[in-house]
Amino acid sequence: MVVLDRDYFTIPAEQIKDIKAVATIVDGRKVY
C-alpha cells in the first residue's frame, strides 16, 4: 500500500496528477 499526501477521492480532479507518496509499504514493510 501507499500513504498519499492528499485524499484521491475528495480532491479536485485536476489535482489527481499531482498526488505524491508519503510512504510506501510492500509486503508489510515500509520501503519508502
ModelCIF file with pLDDT and N, C-alpha, C, O atoms, coordinates in Angstrom:
data_MODEL
#
_entry.id   MODEL 
#
_entity.id                         1 
_entity.type                       polymer 
_entity.pdbx_number_of_molecules   1 
#
_entity_poly.entity_id                      1 
_entity_poly.type                           'polypeptide(L)' 
_entity_poly.nstd_linkage                   no 
_entity_poly.nstd_monomer                   no 
_entity_poly.pdbx_seq_one_letter_code       MVVLDRDYFTIPAEQIKDIKAVATIVDGRKVY 
_entity_poly.pdbx_seq_one_letter_code_can   MVVLDRDYFTIPAEQIKDIKAVATIVDGRKVY 
_entity_poly.pdbx_strand_id                 A 
#
loop_
_entity_poly_seq.entity_id 
_entity_poly_seq.num 
_entity_poly_seq.mon_id 
_entity_poly_seq.hetero 
1 1  MET n 
1 2  VAL n 
1 3  VAL n 
1 4  LEU n 
1 5  ASP n 
1 6  ARG n 
1 7  ASP n 
1 8  TYR n 
1 9  PHE n 
1 10 THR n 
1 11 ILE n 
1 12 PRO n 
1 13 ALA n 
1 14 GLU n 
1 15 GLN n 
1 16 ILE n 
1 17 LYS n 
1 18 ASP n 
1 19 ILE n 
1 20 LYS n 
1 21 ALA n 
1 22 VAL n 
1 23 ALA n 
1 24 THR n 
1 25 ILE n 
1 26 VAL n 
1 27 ASP n 
1 28 GLY n 
1 29 ARG n 
1 30 LYS n 
1 31 VAL n 
1 32 TYR n 
#
_struct_asym.id          A 
_struct_asym.entity_id   1 
#
loop_
_ma_qa_metric.id 
_ma_qa_metric.mode 
_ma_qa_metric.name 
_ma_qa_metric.software_group_id 
_ma_qa_metric.type 
1 global pLDDT . pLDDT 
2 local  pLDDT . pLDDT 
#
_ma_qa_metric_global.metric_id      1 
_ma_qa_metric_global.metric_value   95.88 
_ma_qa_metric_global.model_id       1 
_ma_qa_metric_global.ordinal_id     1 
#
loop_
_ma_qa_metric_local.label_asym_id 
_ma_qa_metric_local.label_comp_id 
_ma_qa_metric_local.label_seq_id 
_ma_qa_metric_local.metric_id 
_ma_qa_metric_local.metric_value 
_ma_qa_metric_local.model_id 
_ma_qa_metric_local.ordinal_id 
A MET 1  2 92.00 1 1  
A VAL 2  2 94.00 1 2  
A VAL 3  2 96.00 1 3  
A LEU 4  2 97.00 1 4  
A ASP 5  2 98.00 1 5  
A ARG 6  2 98.00 1 6  
A ASP 7  2 98.00 1 7  
A TYR 8  2 98.00 1 8  
A PHE 9  2 98.00 1 9  
A THR 10 2 98.00 1 10 
A ILE 11 2 98.00 1 11 
A PRO 12 2 98.00 1 12 
A ALA 13 2 98.00 1 13 
A GLU 14 2 97.00 1 14 
A GLN 15 2 98.00 1 15 
A ILE 16 2 98.00 1 16 
A LYS 17 2 96.00 1 17 
A ASP 18 2 97.00 1 18 
A ILE 19 2 98.00 1 19 
A LYS 20 2 96.00 1 20 
A ALA 21 2 95.00 1 21 
A VAL 22 2 97.00 1 22 
A ALA 23 2 97.00 1 23 
A THR 24 2 95.00 1 24 
A ILE 25 2 94.00 1 25 
A VAL 26 2 93.00 1 26 
A ASP 27 2 89.00 1 27 
A GLY 28 2 87.00 1 28 
A ARG 29 2 93.00 1 29 
A LYS 30 2 95.00 1 30 
A VAL 31 2 96.00 1 31 
A TYR 32 2 96.00 1 32 
#
loop_
_atom_site.group_PDB 
_atom_site.id 
_atom_site.type_symbol 
_atom_site.label_atom_id 
_atom_site.label_alt_id 
_atom_site.label_comp_id 
_atom_site.label_asym_id 
_atom_site.label_entity_id 
_atom_site.label_seq_id 
_atom_site.pdbx_PDB_ins_code 
_atom_site.Cartn_x 
_atom_site.Cartn_y 
_atom_site.Cartn_z 
_atom_site.occupancy 
_atom_site.B_iso_or_equiv 
_atom_site.pdbx_formal_charge 
_atom_site.auth_seq_id 
_atom_site.auth_comp_id 
_atom_site.auth_asym_id 
_atom_site.auth_atom_id 
_atom_site.pdbx_PDB_model_num 
ATOM 1   N N  . MET A 1 1  ? 0.836   -1.196 0.000   1.00 92.00 ? 1  MET A N  1 
ATOM 2   C CA . MET A 1 1  ? 0.000   0.000  0.000   1.00 92.00 ? 1  MET A CA 1 
ATOM 3   C C  . MET A 1 1  ? 0.869   1.244  0.000   1.00 92.00 ? 1  MET A C  1 
ATOM 4   O O  . MET A 1 1  ? 2.082   1.191  0.208   1.00 92.00 ? 1  MET A O  1 
ATOM 5   N N  . VAL A 1 2  ? 0.208   2.360  -0.240  1.00 94.00 ? 2  VAL A N  1 
ATOM 6   C CA . VAL A 1 2  ? 0.899   3.638  -0.262  1.00 94.00 ? 2  VAL A CA 1 
ATOM 7   C C  . VAL A 1 2  ? 0.099   4.626  0.572   1.00 94.00 ? 2  VAL A C  1 
ATOM 8   O O  . VAL A 1 2  ? -1.132  4.615  0.564   1.00 94.00 ? 2  VAL A O  1 
ATOM 9   N N  . VAL A 1 3  ? 0.821   5.484  1.294   1.00 96.00 ? 3  VAL A N  1 
ATOM 10  C CA . VAL A 1 3  ? 0.213   6.587  2.040   1.00 96.00 ? 3  VAL A CA 1 
ATOM 11  C C  . VAL A 1 3  ? 0.400   7.825  1.171   1.00 96.00 ? 3  VAL A C  1 
ATOM 12  O O  . VAL A 1 3  ? 1.512   8.119  0.733   1.00 96.00 ? 3  VAL A O  1 
ATOM 13  N N  . LEU A 1 4  ? -0.683  8.547  0.924   1.00 97.00 ? 4  LEU A N  1 
ATOM 14  C CA . LEU A 1 4  ? -0.658  9.671  -0.008  1.00 97.00 ? 4  LEU A CA 1 
ATOM 15  C C  . LEU A 1 4  ? -0.680  11.018 0.713   1.00 97.00 ? 4  LEU A C  1 
ATOM 16  O O  . LEU A 1 4  ? -1.073  11.119 1.875   1.00 97.00 ? 4  LEU A O  1 
ATOM 17  N N  . ASP A 1 5  ? -0.246  12.041 -0.012  1.00 98.00 ? 5  ASP A N  1 
ATOM 18  C CA . ASP A 1 5  ? -0.234  13.386 0.567   1.00 98.00 ? 5  ASP A CA 1 
ATOM 19  C C  . ASP A 1 5  ? -1.585  14.088 0.509   1.00 98.00 ? 5  ASP A C  1 
ATOM 20  O O  . ASP A 1 5  ? -1.739  15.187 1.041   1.00 98.00 ? 5  ASP A O  1 
ATOM 21  N N  . ARG A 1 6  ? -2.567  13.454 -0.137  1.00 98.00 ? 6  ARG A N  1 
ATOM 22  C CA . ARG A 1 6  ? -3.920  14.009 -0.192  1.00 98.00 ? 6  ARG A CA 1 
ATOM 23  C C  . ARG A 1 6  ? -4.896  12.884 -0.498  1.00 98.00 ? 6  ARG A C  1 
ATOM 24  O O  . ARG A 1 6  ? -4.502  11.792 -0.907  1.00 98.00 ? 6  ARG A O  1 
ATOM 25  N N  . ASP A 1 7  ? -6.175  13.169 -0.291  1.00 98.00 ? 7  ASP A N  1 
ATOM 26  C CA . ASP A 1 7  ? -7.211  12.157 -0.466  1.00 98.00 ? 7  ASP A CA 1 
ATOM 27  C C  . ASP A 1 7  ? -7.636  12.084 -1.929  1.00 98.00 ? 7  ASP A C  1 
ATOM 28  O O  . ASP A 1 7  ? -8.306  12.986 -2.431  1.00 98.00 ? 7  ASP A O  1 
ATOM 29  N N  . TYR A 1 8  ? -7.256  11.039 -2.592  1.00 98.00 ? 8  TYR A N  1 
ATOM 30  C CA . TYR A 1 8  ? -7.563  10.808 -4.006  1.00 98.00 ? 8  TYR A CA 1 
ATOM 31  C C  . TYR A 1 8  ? -9.059  10.951 -4.301  1.00 98.00 ? 8  TYR A C  1 
ATOM 32  O O  . TYR A 1 8  ? -9.437  11.438 -5.366  1.00 98.00 ? 8  TYR A O  1 
ATOM 33  N N  . PHE A 1 9  ? -9.898  10.531 -3.372  1.00 98.00 ? 9  PHE A N  1 
ATOM 34  C CA . PHE A 1 9  ? -11.341 10.519 -3.620  1.00 98.00 ? 9  PHE A CA 1 
ATOM 35  C C  . PHE A 1 9  ? -12.025 11.872 -3.439  1.00 98.00 ? 9  PHE A C  1 
ATOM 36  O O  . PHE A 1 9  ? -13.133 12.067 -3.939  1.00 98.00 ? 9  PHE A O  1 
ATOM 37  N N  . THR A 1 10 ? -11.389 12.810 -2.737  1.00 98.00 ? 10 THR A N  1 
ATOM 38  C CA . THR A 1 10 ? -12.074 14.076 -2.461  1.00 98.00 ? 10 THR A CA 1 
ATOM 39  C C  . THR A 1 10 ? -11.409 15.309 -3.065  1.00 98.00 ? 10 THR A C  1 
ATOM 40  O O  . THR A 1 10 ? -12.042 16.363 -3.138  1.00 98.00 ? 10 THR A O  1 
ATOM 41  N N  . ILE A 1 11 ? -10.180 15.214 -3.492  1.00 98.00 ? 11 ILE A N  1 
ATOM 42  C CA . ILE A 1 11 ? -9.518  16.392 -4.070  1.00 98.00 ? 11 ILE A CA 1 
ATOM 43  C C  . ILE A 1 11 ? -10.134 16.740 -5.424  1.00 98.00 ? 11 ILE A C  1 
ATOM 44  O O  . ILE A 1 11 ? -10.748 15.886 -6.063  1.00 98.00 ? 11 ILE A O  1 
ATOM 45  N N  . PRO A 1 12 ? -9.975  17.984 -5.862  1.00 98.00 ? 12 PRO A N  1 
ATOM 46  C CA . PRO A 1 12 ? -10.429 18.306 -7.219  1.00 98.00 ? 12 PRO A CA 1 
ATOM 47  C C  . PRO A 1 12 ? -9.708  17.407 -8.228  1.00 98.00 ? 12 PRO A C  1 
ATOM 48  O O  . PRO A 1 12 ? -8.529  17.095 -8.061  1.00 98.00 ? 12 PRO A O  1 
ATOM 49  N N  . ALA A 1 13 ? -10.424 16.997 -9.269  1.00 98.00 ? 13 ALA A N  1 
ATOM 50  C CA . ALA A 1 13 ? -9.856  16.081 -10.266 1.00 98.00 ? 13 ALA A CA 1 
ATOM 51  C C  . ALA A 1 13 ? -8.546  16.600 -10.835 1.00 98.00 ? 13 ALA A C  1 
ATOM 52  O O  . ALA A 1 13 ? -7.659  15.805 -11.146 1.00 98.00 ? 13 ALA A O  1 
ATOM 53  N N  . GLU A 1 14 ? -8.400  17.903 -10.980 1.00 97.00 ? 14 GLU A N  1 
ATOM 54  C CA . GLU A 1 14 ? -7.176  18.480 -11.534 1.00 97.00 ? 14 GLU A CA 1 
ATOM 55  C C  . GLU A 1 14 ? -5.948  18.172 -10.682 1.00 97.00 ? 14 GLU A C  1 
ATOM 56  O O  . GLU A 1 14 ? -4.826  18.243 -11.184 1.00 97.00 ? 14 GLU A O  1 
ATOM 57  N N  . GLN A 1 15 ? -6.132  17.836 -9.417  1.00 98.00 ? 15 GLN A N  1 
ATOM 58  C CA . GLN A 1 15 ? -5.006  17.547 -8.519  1.00 98.00 ? 15 GLN A CA 1 
ATOM 59  C C  . GLN A 1 15 ? -4.581  16.080 -8.537  1.00 98.00 ? 15 GLN A C  1 
ATOM 60  O O  . GLN A 1 15 ? -3.526  15.744 -7.998  1.00 98.00 ? 15 GLN A O  1 
ATOM 61  N N  . ILE A 1 16 ? -5.360  15.219 -9.131  1.00 98.00 ? 16 ILE A N  1 
ATOM 62  C CA . ILE A 1 16 ? -5.025  13.784 -9.117  1.00 98.00 ? 16 ILE A CA 1 
ATOM 63  C C  . ILE A 1 16 ? -3.620  13.554 -9.665  1.00 98.00 ? 16 ILE A C  1 
ATOM 64  O O  . ILE A 1 16 ? -2.857  12.774 -9.095  1.00 98.00 ? 16 ILE A O  1 
ATOM 65  N N  . LYS A 1 17 ? -3.274  14.212 -10.748 1.00 96.00 ? 17 LYS A N  1 
ATOM 66  C CA . LYS A 1 17 ? -1.962  14.009 -11.388 1.00 96.00 ? 17 LYS A CA 1 
ATOM 67  C C  . LYS A 1 17 ? -0.807  14.463 -10.503 1.00 96.00 ? 17 LYS A C  1 
ATOM 68  O O  . LYS A 1 17 ? 0.341   14.093 -10.753 1.00 96.00 ? 17 LYS A O  1 
ATOM 69  N N  . ASP A 1 18 ? -1.090  15.258 -9.473  1.00 97.00 ? 18 ASP A N  1 
ATOM 70  C CA . ASP A 1 18 ? -0.042  15.820 -8.616  1.00 97.00 ? 18 ASP A CA 1 
ATOM 71  C C  . ASP A 1 18 ? 0.127   15.079 -7.296  1.00 97.00 ? 18 ASP A C  1 
ATOM 72  O O  . ASP A 1 18 ? 0.942   15.485 -6.467  1.00 97.00 ? 18 ASP A O  1 
ATOM 73  N N  . ILE A 1 19 ? -0.615  14.013 -7.084  1.00 98.00 ? 19 ILE A N  1 
ATOM 74  C CA . ILE A 1 19 ? -0.511  13.243 -5.840  1.00 98.00 ? 19 ILE A CA 1 
ATOM 75  C C  . ILE A 1 19 ? 0.907   12.709 -5.679  1.00 98.00 ? 19 ILE A C  1 
ATOM 76  O O  . ILE A 1 19 ? 1.543   12.286 -6.644  1.00 98.00 ? 19 ILE A O  1 
ATOM 77  N N  . LYS A 1 20 ? 1.383   12.737 -4.454  1.00 96.00 ? 20 LYS A N  1 
ATOM 78  C CA . LYS A 1 20 ? 2.719   12.224 -4.121  1.00 96.00 ? 20 LYS A CA 1 
ATOM 79  C C  . LYS A 1 20 ? 2.590   11.178 -3.018  1.00 96.00 ? 20 LYS A C  1 
ATOM 80  O O  . LYS A 1 20 ? 1.686   11.237 -2.184  1.00 96.00 ? 20 LYS A O  1 
ATOM 81  N N  . ALA A 1 21 ? 3.497   10.238 -3.032  1.00 95.00 ? 21 ALA A N  1 
ATOM 82  C CA . ALA A 1 21 ? 3.561   9.221  -1.976  1.00 95.00 ? 21 ALA A CA 1 
ATOM 83  C C  . ALA A 1 21 ? 4.295   9.792  -0.768  1.00 95.00 ? 21 ALA A C  1 
ATOM 84  O O  . ALA A 1 21 ? 5.356   10.401 -0.902  1.00 95.00 ? 21 ALA A O  1 
ATOM 85  N N  . VAL A 1 22 ? 3.719   9.587  0.406   1.00 97.00 ? 22 VAL A N  1 
ATOM 86  C CA . VAL A 1 22 ? 4.356   9.961  1.657   1.00 97.00 ? 22 VAL A CA 1 
ATOM 87  C C  . VAL A 1 22 ? 5.124   8.757  2.198   1.00 97.00 ? 22 VAL A C  1 
ATOM 88  O O  . VAL A 1 22 ? 6.192   8.897  2.793   1.00 97.00 ? 22 VAL A O  1 
ATOM 89  N N  . ALA A 1 23 ? 4.555   7.574  1.978   1.00 97.00 ? 23 ALA A N  1 
ATOM 90  C CA . ALA A 1 23 ? 5.203   6.334  2.402   1.00 97.00 ? 23 ALA A CA 1 
ATOM 91  C C  . ALA A 1 23 ? 4.691   5.195  1.526   1.00 97.00 ? 23 ALA A C  1 
ATOM 92  O O  . ALA A 1 23 ? 3.564   5.218  1.032   1.00 97.00 ? 23 ALA A O  1 
ATOM 93  N N  . THR A 1 24 ? 5.563   4.193  1.350   1.00 95.00 ? 24 THR A N  1 
ATOM 94  C CA . THR A 1 24 ? 5.192   3.008  0.582   1.00 95.00 ? 24 THR A CA 1 
ATOM 95  C C  . THR A 1 24 ? 5.499   1.782  1.429   1.00 95.00 ? 24 THR A C  1 
ATOM 96  O O  . THR A 1 24 ? 6.575   1.671  2.017   1.00 95.00 ? 24 THR A O  1 
ATOM 97  N N  . ILE A 1 25 ? 4.542   0.867  1.484   1.00 94.00 ? 25 ILE A N  1 
ATOM 98  C CA . ILE A 1 25 ? 4.682   -0.364 2.258   1.00 94.00 ? 25 ILE A CA 1 
ATOM 99  C C  . ILE A 1 25 ? 4.531   -1.533 1.290   1.00 94.00 ? 25 ILE A C  1 
ATOM 100 O O  . ILE A 1 25 ? 3.551   -1.608 0.549   1.00 94.00 ? 25 ILE A O  1 
ATOM 101 N N  . VAL A 1 26 ? 5.499   -2.439 1.298   1.00 93.00 ? 26 VAL A N  1 
ATOM 102 C CA . VAL A 1 26 ? 5.477   -3.613 0.439   1.00 93.00 ? 26 VAL A CA 1 
ATOM 103 C C  . VAL A 1 26 ? 5.617   -4.848 1.332   1.00 93.00 ? 26 VAL A C  1 
ATOM 104 O O  . VAL A 1 26 ? 6.555   -4.962 2.122   1.00 93.00 ? 26 VAL A O  1 
ATOM 105 N N  . ASP A 1 27 ? 4.670   -5.757 1.188   1.00 89.00 ? 27 ASP A N  1 
ATOM 106 C CA . ASP A 1 27 ? 4.657   -6.979 1.990   1.00 89.00 ? 27 ASP A CA 1 
ATOM 107 C C  . ASP A 1 27 ? 4.768   -6.676 3.479   1.00 89.00 ? 27 ASP A C  1 
ATOM 108 O O  . ASP A 1 27 ? 5.438   -7.388 4.226   1.00 89.00 ? 27 ASP A O  1 
ATOM 109 N N  . GLY A 1 28 ? 4.095   -5.598 3.896   1.00 87.00 ? 28 GLY A N  1 
ATOM 110 C CA . GLY A 1 28 ? 4.059   -5.248 5.316   1.00 87.00 ? 28 GLY A CA 1 
ATOM 111 C C  . GLY A 1 28 ? 5.263   -4.483 5.831   1.00 87.00 ? 28 GLY A C  1 
ATOM 112 O O  . GLY A 1 28 ? 5.318   -4.165 7.019   1.00 87.00 ? 28 GLY A O  1 
ATOM 113 N N  . ARG A 1 29 ? 6.239   -4.175 4.969   1.00 93.00 ? 29 ARG A N  1 
ATOM 114 C CA . ARG A 1 29 ? 7.429   -3.428 5.398   1.00 93.00 ? 29 ARG A CA 1 
ATOM 115 C C  . ARG A 1 29 ? 7.482   -2.074 4.708   1.00 93.00 ? 29 ARG A C  1 
ATOM 116 O O  . ARG A 1 29 ? 7.253   -1.966 3.503   1.00 93.00 ? 29 ARG A O  1 
ATOM 117 N N  . LYS A 1 30 ? 7.789   -1.044 5.487   1.00 95.00 ? 30 LYS A N  1 
ATOM 118 C CA . LYS A 1 30 ? 7.936   0.283  4.901   1.00 95.00 ? 30 LYS A CA 1 
ATOM 119 C C  . LYS A 1 30 ? 9.226   0.319  4.089   1.00 95.00 ? 30 LYS A C  1 
ATOM 120 O O  . LYS A 1 30 ? 10.313  0.099  4.623   1.00 95.00 ? 30 LYS A O  1 
ATOM 121 N N  . VAL A 1 31 ? 9.095   0.602  2.783   1.00 96.00 ? 31 VAL A N  1 
ATOM 122 C CA . VAL A 1 31 ? 10.252  0.635  1.896   1.00 96.00 ? 31 VAL A CA 1 
ATOM 123 C C  . VAL A 1 31 ? 10.560  2.043  1.413   1.00 96.00 ? 31 VAL A C  1 
ATOM 124 O O  . VAL A 1 31 ? 11.596  2.275  0.791   1.00 96.00 ? 31 VAL A O  1 
ATOM 125 N N  . TYR A 1 32 ? 9.654   2.995  1.698   1.00 96.00 ? 32 TYR A N  1 
ATOM 126 C CA . TYR A 1 32 ? 9.895   4.384  1.308   1.00 96.00 ? 32 TYR A CA 1 
ATOM 127 C C  . TYR A 1 32 ? 9.160   5.296  2.269   1.00 96.00 ? 32 TYR A C  1 
ATOM 128 O O  . TYR A 1 32 ? 9.222   6.518  2.130   1.00 96.00 ? 32 TYR A O  1 
#
